[in-house]
Amino acid sequence: MKIMHCPLNGPRNISEFSYGGELKAIPDASACSDEAWADYVFFSDNSAGVVTEWWYHTASGYWFLAERNTVTDEIVRTFDASERFPHPDYQDPALPARVNLLPEAISL
């Protein structure tokens, strides 16, 4: 039985997961050609070696990232997507506080 470590649920049987594809940059949908968009949606690099991929834990509905060696099928590590894509509302305590410039925050 192959085990994958889910960052949310811990070690689980690989049958509980679905592959979501390689992690790759999303082209600007409003500016890219149809060919570029089709390339993003339908094609992958299919590189030999360690690749970062999207995985989905079906039981909990949780998407995360995994680094997997495509030659040996070894899962090098798994991690929450926020490690690569921080939430825009997250404020690092080491940084100065953000200024809210939204109209509802301005009182006259």
N, C-alpha and C. Protein backbone atom coordinates (compact mmCIF):
# COMPACT_ATOMS: atom_id res chain seq x y z
N MET A 1 0.85 -1.17 0.00
CA MET A 1 0.00 0.00 0.00
C MET A 1 0.90 1.24 0.00
N LYS A 2 0.61 2.19 -0.92
CA LYS A 2 1.37 3.43 -1.00
C LYS A 2 0.68 4.47 -0.13
N ILE A 3 1.48 5.17 0.65
CA ILE A 3 0.99 6.19 1.58
C ILE A 3 1.45 7.56 1.11
N MET A 4 0.54 8.53 1.14
CA MET A 4 0.89 9.92 0.86
C MET A 4 0.56 10.73 2.10
N HIS A 5 1.45 11.65 2.44
CA HIS A 5 1.21 12.52 3.59
C HIS A 5 0.37 13.71 3.14
N CYS A 6 -0.84 13.83 3.67
CA CYS A 6 -1.69 14.97 3.40
C CYS A 6 -1.34 16.05 4.44
N PRO A 7 -1.04 17.27 4.02
CA PRO A 7 -0.69 18.31 5.00
C PRO A 7 -1.82 18.61 5.98
N LEU A 8 -3.05 18.32 5.62
CA LEU A 8 -4.18 18.58 6.50
C LEU A 8 -4.54 17.37 7.35
N ASN A 9 -4.49 16.16 6.77
CA ASN A 9 -5.00 14.95 7.43
C ASN A 9 -3.95 13.93 7.81
N GLY A 10 -2.68 14.18 7.49
CA GLY A 10 -1.63 13.23 7.83
C GLY A 10 -1.51 12.11 6.81
N PRO A 11 -0.82 11.03 7.17
CA PRO A 11 -0.59 9.92 6.23
C PRO A 11 -1.90 9.22 5.86
N ARG A 12 -2.12 9.07 4.55
CA ARG A 12 -3.35 8.45 4.06
C ARG A 12 -3.01 7.52 2.90
N ASN A 13 -3.89 6.56 2.63
CA ASN A 13 -3.73 5.66 1.50
C ASN A 13 -3.82 6.47 0.21
N ILE A 14 -2.95 6.19 -0.75
CA ILE A 14 -2.89 6.94 -2.00
C ILE A 14 -4.21 6.91 -2.76
N SER A 15 -5.04 5.89 -2.50
CA SER A 15 -6.33 5.79 -3.20
C SER A 15 -7.28 6.92 -2.81
N GLU A 16 -6.99 7.65 -1.74
CA GLU A 16 -7.85 8.76 -1.31
C GLU A 16 -7.55 10.05 -2.07
N PHE A 17 -6.55 10.04 -2.96
CA PHE A 17 -6.11 11.25 -3.63
C PHE A 17 -6.35 11.19 -5.13
N SER A 18 -6.51 12.37 -5.72
CA SER A 18 -6.61 12.52 -7.17
C SER A 18 -5.54 13.49 -7.62
N TYR A 19 -4.90 13.16 -8.73
CA TYR A 19 -3.86 13.98 -9.32
C TYR A 19 -4.50 15.19 -9.99
N GLY A 20 -3.93 16.38 -9.77
CA GLY A 20 -4.51 17.60 -10.33
C GLY A 20 -3.68 18.26 -11.41
N GLY A 21 -2.54 17.69 -11.74
CA GLY A 21 -1.70 18.27 -12.80
C GLY A 21 -0.50 19.01 -12.26
N GLU A 22 0.41 19.32 -13.17
CA GLU A 22 1.62 20.06 -12.80
C GLU A 22 1.28 21.48 -12.39
N LEU A 23 2.06 22.00 -11.48
CA LEU A 23 1.96 23.41 -11.11
C LEU A 23 2.66 24.20 -12.20
N LYS A 24 1.94 25.13 -12.82
CA LYS A 24 2.54 25.96 -13.85
C LYS A 24 1.89 27.33 -13.83
N ALA A 25 2.58 28.30 -14.39
CA ALA A 25 2.09 29.68 -14.40
C ALA A 25 0.84 29.79 -15.26
N ILE A 26 -0.15 30.51 -14.77
CA ILE A 26 -1.39 30.73 -15.50
C ILE A 26 -1.20 31.94 -16.41
N PRO A 27 -1.46 31.77 -17.71
CA PRO A 27 -1.34 32.93 -18.59
C PRO A 27 -2.49 33.90 -18.35
N ASP A 28 -2.28 35.15 -18.71
CA ASP A 28 -3.32 36.17 -18.58
C ASP A 28 -4.42 35.84 -19.59
N ALA A 29 -5.56 35.39 -19.10
CA ALA A 29 -6.65 34.94 -19.97
C ALA A 29 -7.16 36.05 -20.88
N SER A 30 -7.05 37.30 -20.46
CA SER A 30 -7.56 38.40 -21.28
C SER A 30 -6.58 38.82 -22.38
N ALA A 31 -5.32 38.37 -22.27
CA ALA A 31 -4.32 38.82 -23.23
C ALA A 31 -3.67 37.69 -24.04
N CYS A 32 -3.88 36.45 -23.65
CA CYS A 32 -3.19 35.36 -24.35
C CYS A 32 -4.01 34.85 -25.54
N SER A 33 -3.33 34.21 -26.44
CA SER A 33 -3.99 33.64 -27.62
C SER A 33 -4.72 32.35 -27.23
N ASP A 34 -5.59 31.90 -28.12
CA ASP A 34 -6.29 30.63 -27.90
C ASP A 34 -5.30 29.48 -27.81
N GLU A 35 -4.24 29.55 -28.62
CA GLU A 35 -3.22 28.50 -28.62
C GLU A 35 -2.49 28.46 -27.28
N ALA A 36 -2.17 29.63 -26.74
CA ALA A 36 -1.48 29.69 -25.44
C ALA A 36 -2.38 29.16 -24.33
N TRP A 37 -3.67 29.49 -24.37
CA TRP A 37 -4.59 29.00 -23.35
C TRP A 37 -4.77 27.48 -23.46
N ALA A 38 -4.91 26.98 -24.69
CA ALA A 38 -5.05 25.54 -24.89
C ALA A 38 -3.79 24.81 -24.41
N ASP A 39 -2.63 25.40 -24.66
CA ASP A 39 -1.37 24.81 -24.20
C ASP A 39 -1.37 24.72 -22.67
N TYR A 40 -1.83 25.77 -21.99
CA TYR A 40 -1.89 25.76 -20.53
C TYR A 40 -2.85 24.69 -20.02
N VAL A 41 -4.02 24.59 -20.63
CA VAL A 41 -5.05 23.68 -20.15
C VAL A 41 -4.74 22.22 -20.45
N PHE A 42 -4.25 21.93 -21.66
CA PHE A 42 -4.17 20.55 -22.11
C PHE A 42 -2.78 19.92 -22.12
N PHE A 43 -1.73 20.70 -22.05
CA PHE A 43 -0.39 20.13 -22.17
C PHE A 43 0.42 20.33 -20.89
N SER A 44 1.33 19.41 -20.65
CA SER A 44 2.26 19.53 -19.52
C SER A 44 3.67 19.30 -20.03
N ASP A 45 4.64 19.72 -19.21
CA ASP A 45 6.03 19.55 -19.62
C ASP A 45 6.45 18.09 -19.60
N ASN A 46 5.85 17.30 -18.69
CA ASN A 46 6.17 15.89 -18.55
C ASN A 46 7.68 15.68 -18.34
N SER A 47 8.25 16.49 -17.45
CA SER A 47 9.68 16.45 -17.17
C SER A 47 10.06 15.23 -16.34
N ALA A 48 11.26 14.74 -16.58
CA ALA A 48 11.81 13.66 -15.75
C ALA A 48 12.52 14.31 -14.57
N GLY A 49 12.22 13.85 -13.37
CA GLY A 49 12.82 14.41 -12.17
C GLY A 49 11.75 14.92 -11.22
N VAL A 50 12.15 15.79 -10.30
CA VAL A 50 11.23 16.31 -9.29
C VAL A 50 10.37 17.41 -9.90
N VAL A 51 9.05 17.22 -9.80
CA VAL A 51 8.07 18.14 -10.34
C VAL A 51 7.08 18.50 -9.24
N THR A 52 6.65 19.77 -9.20
CA THR A 52 5.63 20.19 -8.25
C THR A 52 4.26 20.00 -8.90
N GLU A 53 3.35 19.33 -8.17
CA GLU A 53 2.05 18.95 -8.73
C GLU A 53 0.93 19.30 -7.75
N TRP A 54 -0.25 19.52 -8.31
CA TRP A 54 -1.46 19.68 -7.51
C TRP A 54 -2.02 18.29 -7.19
N TRP A 55 -2.44 18.10 -5.94
CA TRP A 55 -3.12 16.88 -5.52
C TRP A 55 -4.35 17.25 -4.71
N TYR A 56 -5.35 16.38 -4.76
CA TYR A 56 -6.63 16.62 -4.10
C TYR A 56 -6.96 15.45 -3.18
N HIS A 57 -7.20 15.75 -1.90
CA HIS A 57 -7.64 14.70 -0.97
C HIS A 57 -9.16 14.64 -1.07
N THR A 58 -9.66 13.58 -1.68
CA THR A 58 -11.08 13.45 -2.01
C THR A 58 -11.96 13.47 -0.76
N ALA A 59 -11.55 12.80 0.29
CA ALA A 59 -12.39 12.68 1.49
C ALA A 59 -12.64 14.02 2.16
N SER A 60 -11.65 14.90 2.15
CA SER A 60 -11.80 16.18 2.84
C SER A 60 -11.99 17.37 1.90
N GLY A 61 -11.80 17.16 0.59
CA GLY A 61 -11.94 18.26 -0.35
C GLY A 61 -10.80 19.26 -0.27
N TYR A 62 -9.62 18.78 0.04
CA TYR A 62 -8.46 19.64 0.29
C TYR A 62 -7.45 19.55 -0.85
N TRP A 63 -7.13 20.70 -1.46
CA TRP A 63 -6.11 20.79 -2.50
C TRP A 63 -4.78 21.16 -1.86
N PHE A 64 -3.71 20.54 -2.30
CA PHE A 64 -2.37 20.86 -1.79
C PHE A 64 -1.35 20.58 -2.88
N LEU A 65 -0.10 20.89 -2.60
CA LEU A 65 0.98 20.67 -3.55
C LEU A 65 1.90 19.56 -3.07
N ALA A 66 2.45 18.83 -4.03
CA ALA A 66 3.41 17.78 -3.72
C ALA A 66 4.58 17.88 -4.69
N GLU A 67 5.76 17.63 -4.18
CA GLU A 67 6.93 17.49 -5.04
C GLU A 67 7.16 16.00 -5.20
N ARG A 68 7.11 15.53 -6.47
CA ARG A 68 7.20 14.10 -6.75
C ARG A 68 8.25 13.87 -7.83
N ASN A 69 9.06 12.84 -7.61
CA ASN A 69 10.05 12.45 -8.61
C ASN A 69 9.33 11.60 -9.64
N THR A 70 9.23 12.09 -10.87
CA THR A 70 8.48 11.38 -11.90
C THR A 70 9.21 10.15 -12.43
N VAL A 71 10.50 10.04 -12.12
CA VAL A 71 11.26 8.86 -12.56
C VAL A 71 11.04 7.69 -11.60
N THR A 72 11.12 7.98 -10.30
CA THR A 72 11.00 6.92 -9.29
C THR A 72 9.61 6.84 -8.66
N ASP A 73 8.75 7.84 -8.92
CA ASP A 73 7.42 7.98 -8.32
C ASP A 73 7.50 8.22 -6.81
N GLU A 74 8.65 8.65 -6.33
CA GLU A 74 8.81 8.98 -4.91
C GLU A 74 8.21 10.35 -4.62
N ILE A 75 7.41 10.44 -3.56
CA ILE A 75 6.86 11.72 -3.13
C ILE A 75 7.90 12.33 -2.20
N VAL A 76 8.51 13.40 -2.65
CA VAL A 76 9.59 14.05 -1.90
C VAL A 76 9.03 14.79 -0.71
N ARG A 77 7.98 15.59 -0.94
CA ARG A 77 7.32 16.30 0.17
C ARG A 77 5.96 16.78 -0.29
N THR A 78 5.09 17.03 0.67
CA THR A 78 3.79 17.63 0.41
C THR A 78 3.68 18.87 1.27
N PHE A 79 2.93 19.86 0.78
CA PHE A 79 2.80 21.10 1.55
C PHE A 79 1.55 21.85 1.13
N ASP A 80 1.07 22.69 2.05
CA ASP A 80 -0.12 23.50 1.80
C ASP A 80 0.19 24.51 0.71
N ALA A 81 -0.78 24.79 -0.13
CA ALA A 81 -0.58 25.73 -1.24
C ALA A 81 -0.26 27.14 -0.75
N SER A 82 -0.63 27.47 0.48
CA SER A 82 -0.33 28.81 1.00
C SER A 82 1.17 29.04 1.16
N GLU A 83 1.94 27.96 1.17
CA GLU A 83 3.39 28.10 1.23
C GLU A 83 3.91 28.73 -0.07
N ARG A 84 3.25 28.43 -1.17
CA ARG A 84 3.65 28.97 -2.47
C ARG A 84 2.83 30.21 -2.83
N PHE A 85 1.57 30.23 -2.39
CA PHE A 85 0.64 31.32 -2.71
C PHE A 85 0.05 31.88 -1.42
N PRO A 86 0.73 32.81 -0.76
CA PRO A 86 0.20 33.34 0.51
C PRO A 86 -1.16 34.01 0.31
N HIS A 87 -2.01 33.88 1.28
CA HIS A 87 -3.33 34.51 1.24
C HIS A 87 -3.16 36.02 1.24
N PRO A 88 -3.89 36.76 0.39
CA PRO A 88 -3.69 38.21 0.31
C PRO A 88 -4.03 38.95 1.60
N ASP A 89 -4.84 38.36 2.48
CA ASP A 89 -5.18 39.02 3.74
C ASP A 89 -4.20 38.72 4.86
N TYR A 90 -3.24 37.81 4.60
CA TYR A 90 -2.28 37.46 5.65
C TYR A 90 -1.33 38.63 5.87
N GLN A 91 -1.12 38.98 7.11
CA GLN A 91 -0.19 40.06 7.45
C GLN A 91 0.94 39.49 8.28
N ASP A 92 2.14 39.52 7.73
CA ASP A 92 3.32 39.05 8.45
C ASP A 92 3.57 40.00 9.61
N PRO A 93 3.64 39.50 10.86
CA PRO A 93 3.84 40.37 12.01
C PRO A 93 5.16 41.14 11.96
N ALA A 94 6.12 40.66 11.19
CA ALA A 94 7.41 41.34 11.10
C ALA A 94 7.36 42.55 10.17
N LEU A 95 6.29 42.67 9.39
CA LEU A 95 6.17 43.79 8.45
C LEU A 95 5.23 44.85 9.01
N PRO A 96 5.38 46.12 8.56
CA PRO A 96 4.46 47.16 9.02
C PRO A 96 3.04 46.86 8.58
N ALA A 97 2.08 47.31 9.35
CA ALA A 97 0.67 47.08 9.03
C ALA A 97 0.31 47.75 7.72
N ARG A 98 -0.59 47.09 6.97
CA ARG A 98 -1.06 47.67 5.71
C ARG A 98 -2.04 48.80 5.99
N VAL A 99 -2.08 49.74 5.09
CA VAL A 99 -3.05 50.83 5.19
C VAL A 99 -4.24 50.46 4.32
N ASN A 100 -5.42 50.53 4.90
CA ASN A 100 -6.63 50.21 4.16
C ASN A 100 -7.11 51.47 3.44
N LEU A 101 -7.05 51.47 2.10
CA LEU A 101 -7.45 52.62 1.33
C LEU A 101 -8.79 52.42 0.63
N LEU A 102 -9.55 51.43 1.06
CA LEU A 102 -10.86 51.21 0.47
C LEU A 102 -11.79 52.36 0.88
N PRO A 103 -12.70 52.77 0.01
CA PRO A 103 -13.57 53.92 0.31
C PRO A 103 -14.33 53.79 1.62
N GLU A 104 -14.79 52.58 1.96
CA GLU A 104 -15.56 52.42 3.20
C GLU A 104 -14.69 52.61 4.45
N ALA A 105 -13.37 52.57 4.28
CA ALA A 105 -12.48 52.74 5.42
C ALA A 105 -12.13 54.21 5.67
N ILE A 106 -12.50 55.06 4.72
CA ILE A 106 -12.17 56.48 4.84
C ILE A 106 -13.38 57.21 5.42
N SER A 107 -13.17 57.86 6.55
CA SER A 107 -14.26 58.63 7.14
C SER A 107 -13.97 60.12 6.98
N LEU A 108 -14.97 60.85 6.61
CA LEU A 108 -14.81 62.30 6.38
C LEU A 108 -15.40 63.09 7.49
